[in-house]
Amino acid sequence: MNIFSDRFFLITAAIIASTLAWSFWSSLQQNAFPILSALALITLIVENRKLRKELKTIKSKI
């Protein structure tokens, strides 16, 4: 690809990301922080369970 199409795709991605961010913050307003916190907590719990399962399989091999 040439440099102009790369720039076009980069600008398009930036416009889409900024539009999604604006719509997220404008629609949720005061409730955005608790939702993001809950999402982060759920993500950490899921990742912790995956890591514990992986650690258990590694320990059983030793």
PDB file of N, CA and C in Angstrom:
ATOM      1  N   MET A   1       0.833  -1.183   0.000  1.00  0.00           N
ATOM      2  CA  MET A   1       0.000   0.000   0.000  1.00  0.00           C
ATOM      3  C   MET A   1       0.878   1.247   0.000  1.00  0.00           C
ATOM      4  N   ASN A   2       0.351   2.262  -0.547  1.00  0.00           N
ATOM      5  CA  ASN A   2       1.136   3.489  -0.531  1.00  0.00           C
ATOM      6  C   ASN A   2       0.821   4.299   0.717  1.00  0.00           C
ATOM      7  N   ILE A   3       1.550   5.365   0.888  1.00  0.00           N
ATOM      8  CA  ILE A   3       1.453   6.149   2.112  1.00  0.00           C
ATOM      9  C   ILE A   3       0.110   6.871   2.242  1.00  0.00           C
ATOM     10  N   PHE A   4      -0.524   7.188   1.109  1.00  0.00           N
ATOM     11  CA  PHE A   4      -1.799   7.902   1.179  1.00  0.00           C
ATOM     12  C   PHE A   4      -2.929   7.005   1.676  1.00  0.00           C
ATOM     13  N   SER A   5      -2.946   5.760   1.264  1.00  0.00           N
ATOM     14  CA  SER A   5      -3.990   4.862   1.743  1.00  0.00           C
ATOM     15  C   SER A   5      -3.771   4.527   3.221  1.00  0.00           C
ATOM     16  N   ASP A   6      -2.505   4.417   3.651  1.00  0.00           N
ATOM     17  CA  ASP A   6      -2.223   4.199   5.069  1.00  0.00           C
ATOM     18  C   ASP A   6      -2.729   5.370   5.907  1.00  0.00           C
ATOM     19  N   ARG A   7      -2.467   6.574   5.456  1.00  0.00           N
ATOM     20  CA  ARG A   7      -2.940   7.759   6.180  1.00  0.00           C
ATOM     21  C   ARG A   7      -4.461   7.808   6.207  1.00  0.00           C
ATOM     22  N   PHE A   8      -5.085   7.449   5.084  1.00  0.00           N
ATOM     23  CA  PHE A   8      -6.537   7.461   5.016  1.00  0.00           C
ATOM     24  C   PHE A   8      -7.127   6.483   6.025  1.00  0.00           C
ATOM     25  N   PHE A   9      -6.585   5.260   6.084  1.00  0.00           N
ATOM     26  CA  PHE A   9      -7.095   4.276   7.031  1.00  0.00           C
ATOM     27  C   PHE A   9      -6.836   4.693   8.476  1.00  0.00           C
ATOM     28  N   LEU A  10      -5.718   5.323   8.725  1.00  0.00           N
ATOM     29  CA  LEU A  10      -5.414   5.791  10.071  1.00  0.00           C
ATOM     30  C   LEU A  10      -6.363   6.902  10.493  1.00  0.00           C
ATOM     31  N   ILE A  11      -6.633   7.835   9.617  1.00  0.00           N
ATOM     32  CA  ILE A  11      -7.568   8.916   9.931  1.00  0.00           C
ATOM     33  C   ILE A  11      -8.980   8.368  10.099  1.00  0.00           C
ATOM     34  N   THR A  12      -9.365   7.423   9.271  1.00  0.00           N
ATOM     35  CA  THR A  12     -10.687   6.814   9.390  1.00  0.00           C
ATOM     36  C   THR A  12     -10.838   6.082  10.719  1.00  0.00           C
ATOM     37  N   ALA A  13      -9.821   5.349  11.119  1.00  0.00           N
ATOM     38  CA  ALA A  13      -9.860   4.639  12.401  1.00  0.00           C
ATOM     39  C   ALA A  13      -9.928   5.616  13.564  1.00  0.00           C
ATOM     40  N   ALA A  14      -9.208   6.730  13.470  1.00  0.00           N
ATOM     41  CA  ALA A  14      -9.240   7.734  14.533  1.00  0.00           C
ATOM     42  C   ALA A  14     -10.616   8.383  14.641  1.00  0.00           C
ATOM     43  N   ILE A  15     -11.233   8.657  13.508  1.00  0.00           N
ATOM     44  CA  ILE A  15     -12.570   9.256  13.529  1.00  0.00           C
ATOM     45  C   ILE A  15     -13.589   8.284  14.125  1.00  0.00           C
ATOM     46  N   ILE A  16     -13.494   7.024  13.762  1.00  0.00           N
ATOM     47  CA  ILE A  16     -14.413   6.024  14.306  1.00  0.00           C
ATOM     48  C   ILE A  16     -14.211   5.871  15.812  1.00  0.00           C
ATOM     49  N   ALA A  17     -12.956   5.799  16.253  1.00  0.00           N
ATOM     50  CA  ALA A  17     -12.670   5.641  17.682  1.00  0.00           C
ATOM     51  C   ALA A  17     -13.145   6.847  18.480  1.00  0.00           C
ATOM     52  N   SER A  18     -12.926   8.044  17.962  1.00  0.00           N
ATOM     53  CA  SER A  18     -13.366   9.233  18.688  1.00  0.00           C
ATOM     54  C   SER A  18     -14.888   9.338  18.723  1.00  0.00           C
ATOM     55  N   THR A  19     -15.553   8.914  17.662  1.00  0.00           N
ATOM     56  CA  THR A  19     -17.013   8.924  17.653  1.00  0.00           C
ATOM     57  C   THR A  19     -17.578   7.926  18.664  1.00  0.00           C
ATOM     58  N   LEU A  20     -16.985   6.739  18.724  1.00  0.00           N
ATOM     59  CA  LEU A  20     -17.432   5.755  19.706  1.00  0.00           C
ATOM     60  C   LEU A  20     -17.178   6.220  21.133  1.00  0.00           C
ATOM     61  N   ALA A  21     -16.030   6.841  21.373  1.00  0.00           N
ATOM     62  CA  ALA A  21     -15.727   7.350  22.707  1.00  0.00           C
ATOM     63  C   ALA A  21     -16.689   8.460  23.100  1.00  0.00           C
ATOM     64  N   TRP A  22     -16.968   9.355  22.175  1.00  0.00           N
ATOM     65  CA  TRP A  22     -17.909  10.434  22.468  1.00  0.00           C
ATOM     66  C   TRP A  22     -19.301   9.888  22.776  1.00  0.00           C
ATOM     67  N   SER A  23     -19.760   8.920  21.982  1.00  0.00           N
ATOM     68  CA  SER A  23     -21.100   8.376  22.210  1.00  0.00           C
ATOM     69  C   SER A  23     -21.163   7.613  23.532  1.00  0.00           C
ATOM     70  N   PHE A  24     -20.068   6.935  23.905  1.00  0.00           N
ATOM     71  CA  PHE A  24     -20.030   6.226  25.186  1.00  0.00           C
ATOM     72  C   PHE A  24     -20.155   7.198  26.348  1.00  0.00           C
ATOM     73  N   TRP A  25     -19.314   8.228  26.362  1.00  0.00           N
ATOM     74  CA  TRP A  25     -19.312   9.164  27.476  1.00  0.00           C
ATOM     75  C   TRP A  25     -20.562  10.033  27.507  1.00  0.00           C
ATOM     76  N   SER A  26     -21.088  10.407  26.346  1.00  0.00           N
ATOM     77  CA  SER A  26     -22.265  11.268  26.345  1.00  0.00           C
ATOM     78  C   SER A  26     -23.530  10.504  26.712  1.00  0.00           C
ATOM     79  N   SER A  27     -23.598   9.232  26.387  1.00  0.00           N
ATOM     80  CA  SER A  27     -24.801   8.477  26.712  1.00  0.00           C
ATOM     81  C   SER A  27     -24.825   8.022  28.168  1.00  0.00           C
ATOM     82  N   LEU A  28     -23.661   7.682  28.725  1.00  0.00           N
ATOM     83  CA  LEU A  28     -23.632   7.178  30.097  1.00  0.00           C
ATOM     84  C   LEU A  28     -23.426   8.271  31.137  1.00  0.00           C
ATOM     85  N   GLN A  29     -22.746   9.316  30.812  1.00  0.00           N
ATOM     86  CA  GLN A  29     -22.475  10.466  31.676  1.00  0.00           C
ATOM     87  C   GLN A  29     -21.978  10.040  33.049  1.00  0.00           C
ATOM     88  N   GLN A  30     -22.790  10.143  34.085  1.00  0.00           N
ATOM     89  CA  GLN A  30     -22.353   9.853  35.453  1.00  0.00           C
ATOM     90  C   GLN A  30     -22.152   8.354  35.695  1.00  0.00           C
ATOM     91  N   ASN A  31     -22.764   7.524  34.907  1.00  0.00           N
ATOM     92  CA  ASN A  31     -22.685   6.080  35.121  1.00  0.00           C
ATOM     93  C   ASN A  31     -21.509   5.430  34.400  1.00  0.00           C
ATOM     94  N   ALA A  32     -20.730   6.193  33.692  1.00  0.00           N
ATOM     95  CA  ALA A  32     -19.632   5.620  32.911  1.00  0.00           C
ATOM     96  C   ALA A  32     -18.550   5.026  33.812  1.00  0.00           C
ATOM     97  N   PHE A  33     -18.184   5.734  34.876  1.00  0.00           N
ATOM     98  CA  PHE A  33     -17.106   5.244  35.731  1.00  0.00           C
ATOM     99  C   PHE A  33     -17.465   3.936  36.436  1.00  0.00           C
ATOM    100  N   PRO A  34     -18.648   3.814  37.036  1.00  0.00           N
ATOM    101  CA  PRO A  34     -18.985   2.518  37.645  1.00  0.00           C
ATOM    102  C   PRO A  34     -19.047   1.368  36.636  1.00  0.00           C
ATOM    103  N   ILE A  35     -19.492   1.644  35.430  1.00  0.00           N
ATOM    104  CA  ILE A  35     -19.552   0.595  34.417  1.00  0.00           C
ATOM    105  C   ILE A  35     -18.145   0.172  34.008  1.00  0.00           C
ATOM    106  N   LEU A  36     -17.257   1.141  33.812  1.00  0.00           N
ATOM    107  CA  LEU A  36     -15.876   0.802  33.470  1.00  0.00           C
ATOM    108  C   LEU A  36     -15.186   0.061  34.615  1.00  0.00           C
ATOM    109  N   SER A  37     -15.471   0.456  35.836  1.00  0.00           N
ATOM    110  CA  SER A  37     -14.892  -0.235  36.994  1.00  0.00           C
ATOM    111  C   SER A  37     -15.390  -1.667  37.086  1.00  0.00           C
ATOM    112  N   ALA A  38     -16.674  -1.870  36.872  1.00  0.00           N
ATOM    113  CA  ALA A  38     -17.228  -3.227  36.907  1.00  0.00           C
ATOM    114  C   ALA A  38     -16.648  -4.074  35.784  1.00  0.00           C
ATOM    115  N   LEU A  39     -16.502  -3.490  34.614  1.00  0.00           N
ATOM    116  CA  LEU A  39     -15.913  -4.218  33.489  1.00  0.00           C
ATOM    117  C   LEU A  39     -14.468  -4.611  33.781  1.00  0.00           C
ATOM    118  N   ALA A  40     -13.705  -3.697  34.380  1.00  0.00           N
ATOM    119  CA  ALA A  40     -12.320  -4.006  34.736  1.00  0.00           C
ATOM    120  C   ALA A  40     -12.256  -5.102  35.798  1.00  0.00           C
ATOM    121  N   LEU A  41     -13.153  -5.055  36.772  1.00  0.00           N
ATOM    122  CA  LEU A  41     -13.177  -6.068  37.823  1.00  0.00           C
ATOM    123  C   LEU A  41     -13.527  -7.444  37.262  1.00  0.00           C
ATOM    124  N   ILE A  42     -14.512  -7.491  36.398  1.00  0.00           N
ATOM    125  CA  ILE A  42     -14.894  -8.766  35.776  1.00  0.00           C
ATOM    126  C   ILE A  42     -13.746  -9.322  34.939  1.00  0.00           C
ATOM    127  N   THR A  43     -13.074  -8.449  34.208  1.00  0.00           N
ATOM    128  CA  THR A  43     -11.938  -8.876  33.391  1.00  0.00           C
ATOM    129  C   THR A  43     -10.817  -9.443  34.264  1.00  0.00           C
ATOM    130  N   LEU A  44     -10.546  -8.790  35.381  1.00  0.00           N
ATOM    131  CA  LEU A  44      -9.505  -9.291  36.285  1.00  0.00           C
ATOM    132  C   LEU A  44      -9.872 -10.638  36.894  1.00  0.00           C
ATOM    133  N   ILE A  45     -11.128 -10.818  37.238  1.00  0.00           N
ATOM    134  CA  ILE A  45     -11.567 -12.097  37.813  1.00  0.00           C
ATOM    135  C   ILE A  45     -11.420 -13.220  36.793  1.00  0.00           C
ATOM    136  N   VAL A  46     -11.841 -12.966  35.576  1.00  0.00           N
ATOM    137  CA  VAL A  46     -11.736 -13.987  34.527  1.00  0.00           C
ATOM    138  C   VAL A  46     -10.273 -14.324  34.251  1.00  0.00           C
ATOM    139  N   GLU A  47      -9.438 -13.305  34.160  1.00  0.00           N
ATOM    140  CA  GLU A  47      -8.011 -13.540  33.902  1.00  0.00           C
ATOM    141  C   GLU A  47      -7.363 -14.289  35.059  1.00  0.00           C
ATOM    142  N   ASN A  48      -7.757 -13.983  36.276  1.00  0.00           N
ATOM    143  CA  ASN A  48      -7.212 -14.667  37.440  1.00  0.00           C
ATOM    144  C   ASN A  48      -7.571 -16.147  37.415  1.00  0.00           C
ATOM    145  N   ARG A  49      -8.800 -16.457  37.047  1.00  0.00           N
ATOM    146  CA  ARG A  49      -9.202 -17.863  36.964  1.00  0.00           C
ATOM    147  C   ARG A  49      -8.419 -18.606  35.900  1.00  0.00           C
ATOM    148  N   LYS A  50      -8.203 -17.960  34.756  1.00  0.00           N
ATOM    149  CA  LYS A  50      -7.419 -18.592  33.689  1.00  0.00           C
ATOM    150  C   LYS A  50      -5.991 -18.852  34.145  1.00  0.00           C
ATOM    151  N   LEU A  51      -5.394 -17.880  34.819  1.00  0.00           N
ATOM    152  CA  LEU A  51      -4.013 -18.042  35.272  1.00  0.00           C
ATOM    153  C   LEU A  51      -3.897 -19.116  36.342  1.00  0.00           C
ATOM    154  N   ARG A  52      -4.872 -19.198  37.247  1.00  0.00           N
ATOM    155  CA  ARG A  52      -4.838 -20.241  38.265  1.00  0.00           C
ATOM    156  C   ARG A  52      -4.935 -21.632  37.634  1.00  0.00           C
ATOM    157  N   LYS A  53      -5.792 -21.758  36.624  1.00  0.00           N
ATOM    158  CA  LYS A  53      -5.932 -23.041  35.929  1.00  0.00           C
ATOM    159  C   LYS A  53      -4.630 -23.411  35.219  1.00  0.00           C
ATOM    160  N   GLU A  54      -4.007 -22.436  34.570  1.00  0.00           N
ATOM    161  CA  GLU A  54      -2.738 -22.685  33.890  1.00  0.00           C
ATOM    162  C   GLU A  54      -1.634 -23.036  34.888  1.00  0.00           C
ATOM    163  N   LEU A  55      -1.617 -22.357  36.017  1.00  0.00           N
ATOM    164  CA  LEU A  55      -0.622 -22.648  37.046  1.00  0.00           C
ATOM    165  C   LEU A  55      -0.811 -24.051  37.607  1.00  0.00           C
ATOM    166  N   LYS A  56      -2.061 -24.459  37.748  1.00  0.00           N
ATOM    167  CA  LYS A  56      -2.332 -25.802  38.257  1.00  0.00           C
ATOM    168  C   LYS A  56      -1.825 -26.866  37.287  1.00  0.00           C
ATOM    169  N   THR A  57      -1.988 -26.645  35.992  1.00  0.00           N
ATOM    170  CA  THR A  57      -1.493 -27.616  35.007  1.00  0.00           C
ATOM    171  C   THR A  57       0.039 -27.628  34.976  1.00  0.00           C
ATOM    172  N   ILE A  58       0.659 -26.489  35.162  1.00  0.00           N
ATOM    173  CA  ILE A  58       2.128 -26.436  35.187  1.00  0.00           C
ATOM    174  C   ILE A  58       2.662 -27.151  36.420  1.00  0.00           C
ATOM    175  N   LYS A  59       2.013 -26.952  37.575  1.00  0.00           N
ATOM    176  CA  LYS A  59       2.440 -27.615  38.805  1.00  0.00           C
ATOM    177  C   LYS A  59       2.282 -29.122  38.705  1.00  0.00           C
ATOM    178  N   SER A  60       1.248 -29.580  38.021  1.00  0.00           N
ATOM    179  CA  SER A  60       1.035 -31.022  37.910  1.00  0.00           C
ATOM    180  C   SER A  60       2.086 -31.681  37.013  1.00  0.00           C
ATOM    181  N   LYS A  61       2.668 -30.928  36.095  1.00  0.00           N
ATOM    182  CA  LYS A  61       3.711 -31.464  35.224  1.00  0.00           C
ATOM    183  C   LYS A  61       5.043 -31.588  35.939  1.00  0.00           C
ATOM    184  N   ILE A  62       5.240 -30.826  36.980  1.00  0.00           N
ATOM    185  CA  ILE A  62       6.526 -30.824  37.689  1.00  0.00           C
ATOM    186  C   ILE A  62       6.618 -31.968  38.669  1.00  0.00           C
TER     187      ILE A  62
END
